[in-house]
Amino acid sequence: SKLLFLPNKEIKAEARPATGAGGLARLNTQSKISGQTGGNRRHVQDTSYFVGLLSNKINAITTEIDKLRIESENIVTESKRDKKMERKAKNLATEVQLLEDSLADYNLAADKGRSGVN
């Protein structure tokens, strides 16, 4: 009988539930390792196959992360440019308003001068 040692308790491995209410299920480790889960499934025992699959997925994820990073940097750059252009537009609108006010004053003075009113 094997014993499991926990910090404050000693429990016999045979005493723990294998299935059912305890929630622990026994795994058929040999069938899980060989890739067989039942039926007429393909047996793949070559780890390099799975390493290749994982490498492909990692490369795809890395590529997608790089694309997202570039897109994020572009969005930040565009946002800064947009804010700068908004400030410039606001300043130009203020300048246009001042120039329109000055023009109105000059037009009023010119009208007074033509009509002879002081």
Protein backbone atom coordinates (compact mmCIF):
# COMPACT_ATOMS: atom_id res chain seq x y z
CA SER A 1 0.00 0.00 0.00
CA LYS A 2 1.42 3.38 -1.10
CA LEU A 3 1.15 6.38 1.16
CA LEU A 4 0.78 9.97 0.08
CA PHE A 5 2.33 12.53 2.39
CA LEU A 6 0.61 15.87 2.74
CA PRO A 7 1.80 18.58 5.08
CA ASN A 8 -0.38 17.52 8.03
CA LYS A 9 -2.03 14.28 6.92
CA GLU A 10 -1.16 10.79 5.76
CA ILE A 11 -3.67 9.29 3.30
CA LYS A 12 -3.67 5.84 1.75
CA ALA A 13 -3.94 6.01 -2.04
CA GLU A 14 -6.45 3.15 -2.07
CA ALA A 15 -8.79 5.12 0.20
CA ARG A 16 -9.40 7.90 -2.30
CA PRO A 17 -12.33 7.59 -4.70
CA ALA A 18 -11.44 6.59 -8.24
CA THR A 19 -14.72 7.66 -9.83
CA GLY A 20 -18.15 8.90 -8.92
CA ALA A 21 -18.81 11.29 -6.05
CA GLY A 22 -15.14 12.07 -5.47
CA GLY A 23 -14.88 13.50 -8.95
CA LEU A 24 -11.64 11.72 -9.74
CA ALA A 25 -11.63 9.44 -12.74
CA ARG A 26 -8.95 6.94 -13.57
CA LEU A 27 -7.20 7.68 -16.82
CA ASN A 28 -6.07 4.98 -19.15
CA THR A 29 -2.69 6.57 -19.58
CA GLN A 30 -1.48 4.20 -22.26
CA SER A 31 -4.37 4.98 -24.61
CA LYS A 32 -4.00 8.73 -23.95
CA ILE A 33 -0.27 8.69 -24.70
CA SER A 34 -0.63 6.75 -27.93
CA GLY A 35 -3.39 9.04 -29.18
CA GLN A 36 -6.02 6.29 -29.07
CA THR A 37 -9.28 7.41 -27.57
CA GLY A 38 -11.44 4.65 -28.96
CA GLY A 39 -12.71 3.47 -32.31
CA ASN A 40 -10.56 3.21 -35.41
CA ARG A 41 -8.52 6.35 -34.88
CA ARG A 42 -5.07 6.89 -36.28
CA HIS A 43 -2.25 6.07 -33.87
CA VAL A 44 0.38 8.76 -33.83
CA GLN A 45 3.30 8.07 -31.59
CA ASP A 46 5.85 10.26 -33.32
CA THR A 47 6.44 13.27 -31.06
CA SER A 48 8.09 15.24 -33.85
CA TYR A 49 4.69 15.32 -35.59
CA PHE A 50 3.13 17.06 -32.60
CA VAL A 51 6.17 19.31 -32.13
CA GLY A 52 5.77 20.36 -35.78
CA LEU A 53 2.09 21.12 -35.25
CA LEU A 54 2.86 23.16 -32.16
CA SER A 55 5.68 25.00 -33.96
CA ASN A 56 3.30 25.91 -36.79
CA LYS A 57 0.71 27.18 -34.31
CA ILE A 58 3.33 29.14 -32.36
CA ASN A 59 4.59 30.73 -35.59
CA ALA A 60 1.04 31.64 -36.63
CA ILE A 61 0.33 33.18 -33.22
CA THR A 62 3.64 35.08 -33.25
CA THR A 63 2.87 36.43 -36.73
CA GLU A 64 -0.60 37.53 -35.61
CA ILE A 65 0.85 39.21 -32.50
CA ASP A 66 3.33 41.11 -34.70
CA LYS A 67 0.53 42.23 -37.03
CA LEU A 68 -1.56 43.40 -34.06
CA ARG A 69 1.43 45.24 -32.55
CA ILE A 70 2.04 47.09 -35.85
CA GLU A 71 -1.66 47.89 -36.17
CA SER A 72 -1.73 49.20 -32.60
CA GLU A 73 1.31 51.40 -33.24
CA ASN A 74 -0.35 52.76 -36.40
CA ILE A 75 -3.52 53.56 -34.47
CA VAL A 76 -1.54 55.41 -31.80
CA THR A 77 0.35 57.39 -34.48
CA GLU A 78 -2.89 58.27 -36.29
CA SER A 79 -4.51 59.28 -33.02
CA LYS A 80 -1.64 61.65 -32.21
CA ARG A 81 -1.79 63.07 -35.73
CA ASP A 82 -5.57 63.52 -35.47
CA LYS A 83 -5.25 65.38 -32.15
CA LYS A 84 -2.56 67.62 -33.62
CA MET A 85 -4.74 68.37 -36.66
CA GLU A 86 -7.74 69.10 -34.43
CA ARG A 87 -5.68 71.64 -32.43
CA LYS A 88 -4.46 73.20 -35.67
CA ALA A 89 -8.02 73.39 -37.06
CA LYS A 90 -9.23 75.01 -33.83
CA ASN A 91 -6.43 77.57 -33.94
CA LEU A 92 -7.13 78.33 -37.61
CA ALA A 93 -10.86 78.70 -36.92
CA THR A 94 -10.06 81.19 -34.18
CA GLU A 95 -7.75 83.11 -36.54
CA VAL A 96 -10.44 83.13 -39.27
CA GLN A 97 -12.98 84.51 -36.78
CA LEU A 98 -10.58 87.30 -35.77
CA LEU A 99 -9.89 88.16 -39.41
CA GLU A 100 -13.62 88.18 -40.22
CA ASP A 101 -14.21 90.54 -37.28
CA SER A 102 -11.43 92.85 -38.53
CA LEU A 103 -12.85 92.75 -42.06
CA ALA A 104 -16.29 93.66 -40.74
CA ASP A 105 -14.75 96.62 -38.88
CA TYR A 106 -12.93 97.80 -42.03
CA ASN A 107 -16.08 97.40 -44.14
CA LEU A 108 -18.06 99.41 -41.59
CA ALA A 109 -15.41 102.16 -41.60
CA ALA A 110 -15.36 102.18 -45.43
CA ASP A 111 -19.18 102.46 -45.56
CA LYS A 112 -19.09 105.36 -43.08
CA GLY A 113 -16.39 107.03 -45.14
CA ARG A 114 -18.43 106.75 -48.37
CA SER A 115 -21.61 107.98 -46.79
CA GLY A 116 -19.86 110.89 -45.06
CA VAL A 117 -20.92 109.86 -41.52
CA ASN A 118 -18.26 110.25 -38.80
